[in-house]
Amino acid sequence: MADASGIFDRLKEDHDKHRELLKKMAETEGASDERSNLLEQFTVEVKSHAAAEEQALYSTMLRKPETTGETRHSVAEHHEIEEMLNDLAATDMSSSAWLSKFKDLRHRYEHHIEEEEEDHFPDFEKYLTDADLAHMRSVFQRRKDAECDEQEVTPEKMEDAKD
């Protein structure tokens, strides 16, 4: 079995940063610049992380029958979280709806990364080769940096926010 700790440590490093951003966002109030800036930072971070994780990790794991189910589950969650982020960005930050949506997103996202760290990563590690790890390491940061440069934070209009 190859030593996958490096790539998983790198993914967890991002997760820890995301947890910290969520914590800071939860401490903000109303339509403040701080809340807006934190939401923007969190959105860019999470969307670019997810895209890079999918290209580096999940594309590798989809080729391994033993991990296909877990992989599809995580990728589906990435898409749900992205939709929740887009909806949150389209919601008035001073409304109670925003706070409710934020709490749902935080709960969903923290559950997702906990599941990745505690269940998926240890399972995936059993099936990774040195070649897989080399590929993942070379792809992840390059893709994440490219995605960070291109992410849109508010792709939906306010009137498209869900009730």
N, C-alpha and C. Protein backbone atom coordinates (compact mmCIF):
# COMPACT_ATOMS: atom_id res chain seq x y z
N MET A 1 0.85 -1.19 0.00
CA MET A 1 0.00 0.00 0.00
C MET A 1 0.89 1.25 0.00
N ALA A 2 0.57 2.19 -0.87
CA ALA A 2 1.33 3.42 -0.98
C ALA A 2 0.99 4.36 0.18
N ASP A 3 1.91 5.28 0.48
CA ASP A 3 1.67 6.24 1.56
C ASP A 3 0.93 7.45 1.02
N ALA A 4 -0.35 7.50 1.32
CA ALA A 4 -1.20 8.57 0.79
C ALA A 4 -1.35 9.73 1.75
N SER A 5 -0.64 9.69 2.87
CA SER A 5 -0.86 10.72 3.89
C SER A 5 -0.65 12.13 3.34
N GLY A 6 0.32 12.30 2.45
CA GLY A 6 0.61 13.64 1.92
C GLY A 6 -0.58 14.29 1.23
N ILE A 7 -1.20 13.58 0.29
CA ILE A 7 -2.33 14.15 -0.44
C ILE A 7 -3.52 14.33 0.49
N PHE A 8 -3.77 13.38 1.38
CA PHE A 8 -4.91 13.52 2.28
C PHE A 8 -4.68 14.63 3.31
N ASP A 9 -3.43 14.80 3.73
CA ASP A 9 -3.11 15.92 4.62
C ASP A 9 -3.38 17.25 3.91
N ARG A 10 -3.05 17.30 2.62
CA ARG A 10 -3.27 18.53 1.85
C ARG A 10 -4.77 18.83 1.74
N LEU A 11 -5.58 17.80 1.50
CA LEU A 11 -7.04 17.99 1.41
C LEU A 11 -7.60 18.43 2.77
N LYS A 12 -7.12 17.81 3.84
CA LYS A 12 -7.58 18.16 5.19
C LYS A 12 -7.18 19.59 5.56
N GLU A 13 -6.03 20.03 5.07
CA GLU A 13 -5.57 21.41 5.30
C GLU A 13 -6.62 22.39 4.75
N ASP A 14 -7.12 22.11 3.54
CA ASP A 14 -8.18 22.94 2.96
C ASP A 14 -9.45 22.84 3.81
N HIS A 15 -9.81 21.63 4.20
CA HIS A 15 -11.02 21.44 5.02
C HIS A 15 -10.94 22.27 6.30
N ASP A 16 -9.77 22.28 6.94
CA ASP A 16 -9.60 23.05 8.17
C ASP A 16 -9.78 24.55 7.91
N LYS A 17 -9.27 25.00 6.78
CA LYS A 17 -9.43 26.40 6.39
C LYS A 17 -10.92 26.70 6.18
N HIS A 18 -11.63 25.77 5.55
CA HIS A 18 -13.07 25.95 5.31
C HIS A 18 -13.85 25.99 6.62
N ARG A 19 -13.48 25.12 7.56
CA ARG A 19 -14.14 25.13 8.88
C ARG A 19 -13.96 26.48 9.56
N GLU A 20 -12.76 27.02 9.46
CA GLU A 20 -12.46 28.31 10.09
C GLU A 20 -13.27 29.43 9.43
N LEU A 21 -13.39 29.41 8.12
CA LEU A 21 -14.19 30.42 7.42
C LEU A 21 -15.66 30.32 7.81
N LEU A 22 -16.18 29.10 7.94
CA LEU A 22 -17.58 28.91 8.36
C LEU A 22 -17.79 29.46 9.77
N LYS A 23 -16.83 29.19 10.64
CA LYS A 23 -16.92 29.67 12.03
C LYS A 23 -16.95 31.20 12.05
N LYS A 24 -16.07 31.82 11.27
CA LYS A 24 -16.03 33.29 11.23
C LYS A 24 -17.33 33.85 10.64
N MET A 25 -17.84 33.20 9.60
CA MET A 25 -19.08 33.66 8.98
C MET A 25 -20.24 33.59 9.95
N ALA A 26 -20.27 32.54 10.76
CA ALA A 26 -21.35 32.36 11.74
C ALA A 26 -21.35 33.48 12.78
N GLU A 27 -20.21 34.12 12.96
CA GLU A 27 -20.09 35.19 13.95
C GLU A 27 -20.45 36.56 13.39
N THR A 28 -20.76 36.63 12.09
CA THR A 28 -21.11 37.91 11.48
C THR A 28 -22.61 38.16 11.59
N GLU A 29 -22.99 39.41 11.35
CA GLU A 29 -24.41 39.76 11.40
C GLU A 29 -24.78 40.63 10.21
N GLY A 30 -26.00 40.42 9.72
CA GLY A 30 -26.56 41.28 8.69
C GLY A 30 -25.76 41.33 7.40
N ALA A 31 -26.07 42.35 6.61
CA ALA A 31 -25.44 42.51 5.30
C ALA A 31 -24.13 43.28 5.44
N SER A 32 -23.24 42.76 6.24
CA SER A 32 -21.96 43.44 6.50
C SER A 32 -20.94 43.11 5.43
N ASP A 33 -19.96 44.01 5.28
CA ASP A 33 -18.86 43.75 4.35
C ASP A 33 -18.11 42.49 4.78
N GLU A 34 -17.96 42.31 6.09
CA GLU A 34 -17.24 41.14 6.59
C GLU A 34 -17.93 39.85 6.15
N ARG A 35 -19.26 39.79 6.32
CA ARG A 35 -20.01 38.59 5.92
C ARG A 35 -19.87 38.36 4.41
N SER A 36 -20.00 39.43 3.66
CA SER A 36 -19.89 39.34 2.20
C SER A 36 -18.51 38.84 1.78
N ASN A 37 -17.48 39.41 2.38
CA ASN A 37 -16.10 39.00 2.05
C ASN A 37 -15.83 37.55 2.43
N LEU A 38 -16.31 37.15 3.60
CA LEU A 38 -16.11 35.76 4.04
C LEU A 38 -16.86 34.78 3.15
N LEU A 39 -18.08 35.14 2.76
CA LEU A 39 -18.85 34.28 1.86
C LEU A 39 -18.13 34.14 0.52
N GLU A 40 -17.62 35.24 0.03
CA GLU A 40 -16.88 35.20 -1.24
C GLU A 40 -15.64 34.32 -1.12
N GLN A 41 -14.90 34.51 -0.07
CA GLN A 41 -13.67 33.73 0.15
C GLN A 41 -14.02 32.24 0.30
N PHE A 42 -15.03 31.93 1.09
CA PHE A 42 -15.44 30.54 1.30
C PHE A 42 -15.90 29.91 -0.01
N THR A 43 -16.70 30.63 -0.77
CA THR A 43 -17.23 30.10 -2.02
C THR A 43 -16.11 29.78 -3.01
N VAL A 44 -15.20 30.72 -3.19
CA VAL A 44 -14.08 30.50 -4.12
C VAL A 44 -13.24 29.32 -3.64
N GLU A 45 -12.95 29.28 -2.36
CA GLU A 45 -12.15 28.19 -1.79
C GLU A 45 -12.81 26.83 -2.00
N VAL A 46 -14.09 26.74 -1.64
CA VAL A 46 -14.78 25.44 -1.69
C VAL A 46 -14.99 24.97 -3.13
N LYS A 47 -15.40 25.88 -4.00
CA LYS A 47 -15.63 25.47 -5.39
C LYS A 47 -14.32 25.05 -6.07
N SER A 48 -13.26 25.78 -5.82
CA SER A 48 -11.97 25.41 -6.45
C SER A 48 -11.42 24.13 -5.83
N HIS A 49 -11.59 23.97 -4.52
CA HIS A 49 -11.16 22.74 -3.84
C HIS A 49 -11.92 21.54 -4.42
N ALA A 50 -13.23 21.67 -4.55
CA ALA A 50 -14.05 20.55 -5.05
C ALA A 50 -13.65 20.16 -6.46
N ALA A 51 -13.44 21.15 -7.32
CA ALA A 51 -13.06 20.85 -8.71
C ALA A 51 -11.71 20.13 -8.75
N ALA A 52 -10.76 20.62 -7.95
CA ALA A 52 -9.43 20.00 -7.92
C ALA A 52 -9.49 18.62 -7.30
N GLU A 53 -10.28 18.47 -6.25
CA GLU A 53 -10.43 17.17 -5.59
C GLU A 53 -11.05 16.15 -6.55
N GLU A 54 -12.03 16.61 -7.33
CA GLU A 54 -12.65 15.71 -8.30
C GLU A 54 -11.67 15.27 -9.37
N GLN A 55 -10.87 16.20 -9.86
CA GLN A 55 -9.91 15.85 -10.91
C GLN A 55 -8.76 15.00 -10.37
N ALA A 56 -8.26 15.34 -9.19
CA ALA A 56 -7.09 14.64 -8.66
C ALA A 56 -7.47 13.32 -7.98
N LEU A 57 -8.42 13.38 -7.06
CA LEU A 57 -8.76 12.21 -6.24
C LEU A 57 -9.88 11.37 -6.84
N TYR A 58 -11.02 12.02 -7.07
CA TYR A 58 -12.19 11.23 -7.43
C TYR A 58 -12.11 10.62 -8.83
N SER A 59 -11.42 11.28 -9.76
CA SER A 59 -11.26 10.65 -11.08
C SER A 59 -10.42 9.37 -10.94
N THR A 60 -9.47 9.40 -10.02
CA THR A 60 -8.64 8.22 -9.75
C THR A 60 -9.48 7.12 -9.10
N MET A 61 -10.29 7.50 -8.11
CA MET A 61 -11.06 6.50 -7.36
C MET A 61 -12.20 5.89 -8.19
N LEU A 62 -12.70 6.63 -9.18
CA LEU A 62 -13.75 6.08 -10.04
C LEU A 62 -13.25 4.89 -10.85
N ARG A 63 -11.94 4.82 -11.07
CA ARG A 63 -11.37 3.71 -11.84
C ARG A 63 -11.17 2.46 -10.99
N LYS A 64 -11.51 2.56 -9.72
CA LYS A 64 -11.32 1.42 -8.81
C LYS A 64 -12.70 0.96 -8.34
N PRO A 65 -13.14 -0.21 -8.80
CA PRO A 65 -14.51 -0.67 -8.50
C PRO A 65 -14.87 -0.65 -7.01
N GLU A 66 -13.89 -0.90 -6.15
CA GLU A 66 -14.15 -0.97 -4.71
C GLU A 66 -14.59 0.37 -4.12
N THR A 67 -14.25 1.46 -4.79
CA THR A 67 -14.53 2.79 -4.22
C THR A 67 -15.50 3.62 -5.06
N THR A 68 -16.08 3.02 -6.08
CA THR A 68 -16.97 3.77 -6.98
C THR A 68 -18.18 4.35 -6.24
N GLY A 69 -18.80 3.59 -5.36
CA GLY A 69 -19.98 4.05 -4.64
C GLY A 69 -19.68 5.27 -3.78
N GLU A 70 -18.62 5.18 -2.98
CA GLU A 70 -18.24 6.31 -2.12
C GLU A 70 -17.88 7.53 -2.96
N THR A 71 -17.20 7.28 -4.07
CA THR A 71 -16.77 8.37 -4.94
C THR A 71 -17.97 9.10 -5.53
N ARG A 72 -18.91 8.34 -6.07
CA ARG A 72 -20.11 8.97 -6.65
C ARG A 72 -20.89 9.75 -5.59
N HIS A 73 -20.96 9.20 -4.38
CA HIS A 73 -21.65 9.86 -3.27
C HIS A 73 -21.00 11.23 -2.99
N SER A 74 -19.70 11.26 -2.89
CA SER A 74 -19.00 12.52 -2.59
C SER A 74 -19.15 13.54 -3.71
N VAL A 75 -19.04 13.09 -4.95
CA VAL A 75 -19.17 14.01 -6.08
C VAL A 75 -20.60 14.59 -6.12
N ALA A 76 -21.59 13.75 -5.85
CA ALA A 76 -22.97 14.24 -5.80
C ALA A 76 -23.12 15.30 -4.70
N GLU A 77 -22.48 15.06 -3.56
CA GLU A 77 -22.53 16.05 -2.47
C GLU A 77 -21.85 17.35 -2.88
N HIS A 78 -20.76 17.27 -3.64
CA HIS A 78 -20.11 18.49 -4.12
C HIS A 78 -21.11 19.34 -4.91
N HIS A 79 -21.89 18.70 -5.76
CA HIS A 79 -22.84 19.43 -6.59
C HIS A 79 -23.97 20.03 -5.74
N GLU A 80 -24.43 19.29 -4.75
CA GLU A 80 -25.46 19.82 -3.84
C GLU A 80 -24.94 21.04 -3.08
N ILE A 81 -23.71 20.94 -2.61
CA ILE A 81 -23.11 22.05 -1.85
C ILE A 81 -22.92 23.26 -2.76
N GLU A 82 -22.51 23.04 -3.99
CA GLU A 82 -22.35 24.16 -4.93
C GLU A 82 -23.70 24.86 -5.16
N GLU A 83 -24.76 24.08 -5.32
CA GLU A 83 -26.09 24.67 -5.49
C GLU A 83 -26.50 25.46 -4.25
N MET A 84 -26.18 24.93 -3.07
CA MET A 84 -26.50 25.64 -1.83
C MET A 84 -25.72 26.95 -1.74
N LEU A 85 -24.45 26.93 -2.16
CA LEU A 85 -23.63 28.15 -2.15
C LEU A 85 -24.19 29.19 -3.11
N ASN A 86 -24.58 28.75 -4.31
CA ASN A 86 -25.14 29.68 -5.30
C ASN A 86 -26.43 30.30 -4.77
N ASP A 87 -27.25 29.49 -4.13
CA ASP A 87 -28.51 29.98 -3.58
C ASP A 87 -28.24 30.96 -2.43
N LEU A 88 -27.29 30.63 -1.58
CA LEU A 88 -26.96 31.52 -0.46
C LEU A 88 -26.47 32.87 -0.98
N ALA A 89 -25.65 32.84 -2.03
CA ALA A 89 -25.13 34.08 -2.61
C ALA A 89 -26.25 34.94 -3.20
N ALA A 90 -27.34 34.30 -3.60
CA ALA A 90 -28.47 35.02 -4.21
C ALA A 90 -29.50 35.45 -3.17
N THR A 91 -29.24 35.21 -1.90
CA THR A 91 -30.18 35.53 -0.83
C THR A 91 -29.72 36.78 -0.08
N ASP A 92 -30.65 37.62 0.28
CA ASP A 92 -30.36 38.84 1.04
C ASP A 92 -29.68 38.47 2.36
N MET A 93 -28.44 38.95 2.53
CA MET A 93 -27.65 38.58 3.71
C MET A 93 -28.23 39.09 5.03
N SER A 94 -29.13 40.06 4.97
CA SER A 94 -29.69 40.57 6.22
C SER A 94 -30.99 39.85 6.59
N SER A 95 -31.40 38.88 5.77
CA SER A 95 -32.67 38.18 6.02
C SER A 95 -32.49 36.95 6.90
N SER A 96 -33.57 36.57 7.55
CA SER A 96 -33.53 35.34 8.35
C SER A 96 -33.37 34.12 7.43
N ALA A 97 -33.83 34.25 6.19
CA ALA A 97 -33.68 33.15 5.22
C ALA A 97 -32.19 32.87 4.98
N TRP A 98 -31.38 33.95 4.90
CA TRP A 98 -29.94 33.77 4.68
C TRP A 98 -29.34 32.96 5.83
N LEU A 99 -29.67 33.35 7.04
CA LEU A 99 -29.10 32.67 8.21
C LEU A 99 -29.52 31.20 8.24
N SER A 100 -30.75 30.94 7.92
CA SER A 100 -31.25 29.56 7.88
C SER A 100 -30.52 28.75 6.81
N LYS A 101 -30.36 29.33 5.63
CA LYS A 101 -29.65 28.65 4.53
C LYS A 101 -28.18 28.44 4.89
N PHE A 102 -27.59 29.45 5.54
CA PHE A 102 -26.19 29.32 5.96
C PHE A 102 -26.03 28.16 6.93
N LYS A 103 -26.93 28.06 7.91
CA LYS A 103 -26.84 26.97 8.90
C LYS A 103 -26.98 25.61 8.21
N ASP A 104 -27.90 25.51 7.25
CA ASP A 104 -28.06 24.26 6.50
C ASP A 104 -26.79 23.92 5.73
N LEU A 105 -26.24 24.93 5.06
CA LEU A 105 -25.01 24.74 4.29
C LEU A 105 -23.86 24.31 5.20
N ARG A 106 -23.71 25.00 6.31
CA ARG A 106 -22.62 24.67 7.25
C ARG A 106 -22.74 23.23 7.73
N HIS A 107 -23.95 22.85 8.13
CA HIS A 107 -24.18 21.49 8.61
C HIS A 107 -23.85 20.48 7.50
N ARG A 108 -24.34 20.74 6.31
CA ARG A 108 -24.14 19.83 5.17
C ARG A 108 -22.66 19.71 4.83
N TYR A 109 -21.99 20.85 4.77
CA TYR A 109 -20.58 20.84 4.38
C TYR A 109 -19.71 20.17 5.44
N GLU A 110 -19.96 20.49 6.70
CA GLU A 110 -19.15 19.87 7.76
C GLU A 110 -19.39 18.37 7.81
N HIS A 111 -20.61 17.94 7.56
CA HIS A 111 -20.89 16.50 7.48
C HIS A 111 -20.11 15.88 6.31
N HIS A 112 -20.11 16.56 5.18
CA HIS A 112 -19.42 16.06 3.98
C HIS A 112 -17.92 15.88 4.23
N ILE A 113 -17.27 16.90 4.77
CA ILE A 113 -15.82 16.79 4.94
C ILE A 113 -15.45 15.81 6.06
N GLU A 114 -16.31 15.71 7.06
CA GLU A 114 -16.09 14.72 8.13
C GLU A 114 -16.16 13.30 7.53
N GLU A 115 -17.15 13.08 6.69
CA GLU A 115 -17.32 11.77 6.04
C GLU A 115 -16.12 11.46 5.16
N GLU A 116 -15.64 12.45 4.41
CA GLU A 116 -14.45 12.24 3.59
C GLU A 116 -13.26 11.86 4.46
N GLU A 117 -13.01 12.64 5.51
CA GLU A 117 -11.83 12.44 6.34
C GLU A 117 -11.87 11.14 7.13
N GLU A 118 -13.04 10.81 7.68
CA GLU A 118 -13.13 9.66 8.58
C GLU A 118 -13.43 8.34 7.87
N ASP A 119 -14.17 8.41 6.77
CA ASP A 119 -14.58 7.18 6.08
C ASP A 119 -13.89 6.99 4.74
N HIS A 120 -14.05 7.97 3.85
CA HIS A 120 -13.59 7.79 2.48
C HIS A 120 -12.07 7.76 2.35
N PHE A 121 -11.38 8.75 2.91
CA PHE A 121 -9.93 8.79 2.74
C PHE A 121 -9.25 7.51 3.23
N PRO A 122 -9.60 7.01 4.43
CA PRO A 122 -8.96 5.76 4.87
C PRO A 122 -9.30 4.58 3.95
N ASP A 123 -10.52 4.53 3.44
CA ASP A 123 -10.88 3.47 2.50
C ASP A 123 -10.11 3.60 1.20
N PHE A 124 -10.04 4.82 0.68
CA PHE A 124 -9.35 5.05 -0.60
C PHE A 124 -7.88 4.68 -0.51
N GLU A 125 -7.28 4.98 0.62
CA GLU A 125 -5.84 4.76 0.79
C GLU A 125 -5.45 3.31 0.50
N LYS A 126 -6.35 2.39 0.82
CA LYS A 126 -6.07 0.96 0.61
C LYS A 126 -5.85 0.60 -0.85
N TYR A 127 -6.39 1.42 -1.75
CA TYR A 127 -6.38 1.06 -3.17
C TYR A 127 -5.47 1.93 -4.03
N LEU A 128 -4.78 2.88 -3.41
CA LEU A 128 -3.94 3.80 -4.18
C LEU A 128 -2.53 3.25 -4.39
N THR A 129 -2.04 3.45 -5.59
CA THR A 129 -0.66 3.06 -5.93
C THR A 129 0.23 4.31 -5.86
N ASP A 130 1.54 4.09 -5.93
CA ASP A 130 2.46 5.22 -5.97
C ASP A 130 2.19 6.11 -7.18
N ALA A 131 1.86 5.48 -8.31
CA ALA A 131 1.55 6.24 -9.53
C ALA A 131 0.30 7.10 -9.34
N ASP A 132 -0.72 6.52 -8.68
CA ASP A 132 -1.94 7.28 -8.39
C ASP A 132 -1.60 8.52 -7.57
N LEU A 133 -0.80 8.33 -6.55
CA LEU A 133 -0.46 9.42 -5.64
C LEU A 133 0.35 10.50 -6.34
N ALA A 134 1.27 10.10 -7.19
CA ALA A 134 2.07 11.07 -7.93
C ALA A 134 1.15 11.91 -8.83
N HIS A 135 0.22 11.24 -9.49
CA HIS A 135 -0.75 11.94 -10.34
C HIS A 135 -1.57 12.92 -9.51
N MET A 136 -2.10 12.46 -8.38
CA MET A 136 -2.95 13.29 -7.55
C MET A 136 -2.21 14.52 -7.04
N ARG A 137 -0.98 14.32 -6.60
CA ARG A 137 -0.19 15.44 -6.08
C ARG A 137 0.07 16.47 -7.19
N SER A 138 0.37 16.00 -8.39
CA SER A 138 0.70 16.94 -9.48
C SER A 138 -0.53 17.69 -9.96
N VAL A 139 -1.69 17.06 -9.90
CA VAL A 139 -2.91 17.66 -10.43
C VAL A 139 -3.59 18.60 -9.44
N PHE A 140 -3.64 18.23 -8.17
CA PHE A 140 -4.49 18.95 -7.22
C PHE A 140 -4.20 20.45 -7.14
N GLN A 141 -3.00 20.83 -6.78
CA GLN A 141 -2.72 22.25 -6.55
C GLN A 141 -2.80 23.05 -7.85
N ARG A 142 -2.34 22.46 -8.94
CA ARG A 142 -2.40 23.15 -10.23
C ARG A 142 -3.86 23.46 -10.59
N ARG A 143 -4.73 22.48 -10.44
CA ARG A 143 -6.15 22.67 -10.78
C ARG A 143 -6.80 23.64 -9.81
N LYS A 144 -6.48 23.54 -8.52
CA LYS A 144 -7.08 24.43 -7.54
C LYS A 144 -6.72 25.88 -7.83
N ASP A 145 -5.46 26.14 -8.13
CA ASP A 145 -5.02 27.50 -8.43
C ASP A 145 -5.74 28.05 -9.66
N ALA A 146 -5.87 27.21 -10.69
CA ALA A 146 -6.56 27.64 -11.92
C ALA A 146 -8.03 27.93 -11.63
N GLU A 147 -8.66 27.09 -10.84
CA GLU A 147 -10.07 27.28 -10.49
C GLU A 147 -10.28 28.55 -9.66
N CYS A 148 -9.39 28.82 -8.73
CA CYS A 148 -9.51 30.02 -7.88
C CYS A 148 -9.56 31.28 -8.74
N ASP A 149 -8.80 31.28 -9.82
CA ASP A 149 -8.74 32.44 -10.71
C ASP A 149 -10.03 32.63 -11.50
N GLU A 150 -10.81 31.56 -11.65
CA GLU A 150 -11.97 31.61 -12.54
C GLU A 150 -13.32 31.59 -11.83
N GLN A 151 -13.35 31.33 -10.54
CA GLN A 151 -14.63 31.14 -9.85
C GLN A 151 -15.50 32.39 -9.84
N GLU A 152 -16.79 32.18 -10.05
CA GLU A 152 -17.78 33.24 -9.87
C GLU A 152 -18.46 33.00 -8.53
N VAL A 153 -18.69 34.06 -7.81
CA VAL A 153 -19.27 33.90 -6.49
C VAL A 153 -20.79 33.97 -6.53
N THR A 154 -21.34 34.83 -7.37
CA THR A 154 -22.79 34.98 -7.41
C THR A 154 -23.31 34.71 -8.82
N PRO A 155 -23.33 33.46 -9.22
CA PRO A 155 -23.77 33.16 -10.58
C PRO A 155 -25.28 33.29 -10.75
N GLU A 156 -26.02 33.38 -9.65
CA GLU A 156 -27.48 33.49 -9.75
C GLU A 156 -27.94 34.87 -9.32
N LYS A 157 -29.03 35.32 -9.89
CA LYS A 157 -29.59 36.62 -9.54
C LYS A 157 -30.40 36.50 -8.25
N MET A 158 -30.55 37.60 -7.56
CA MET A 158 -31.33 37.62 -6.32
C MET A 158 -32.72 37.02 -6.52
N GLU A 159 -33.36 37.36 -7.65
CA GLU A 159 -34.73 36.86 -7.86
C GLU A 159 -34.77 35.35 -8.07
N ASP A 160 -33.61 34.73 -8.29
CA ASP A 160 -33.56 33.28 -8.47
C ASP A 160 -33.36 32.54 -7.15
N ALA A 161 -33.19 33.25 -6.06
CA ALA A 161 -33.00 32.59 -4.76
C ALA A 161 -34.22 31.76 -4.43
N LYS A 162 -33.97 30.63 -3.83
CA LYS A 162 -35.07 29.75 -3.44
C LYS A 162 -35.74 30.28 -2.19
N ASP A 163 -37.04 30.06 -2.08
CA ASP A 163 -37.77 30.53 -0.89
C ASP A 163 -37.53 29.65 0.30
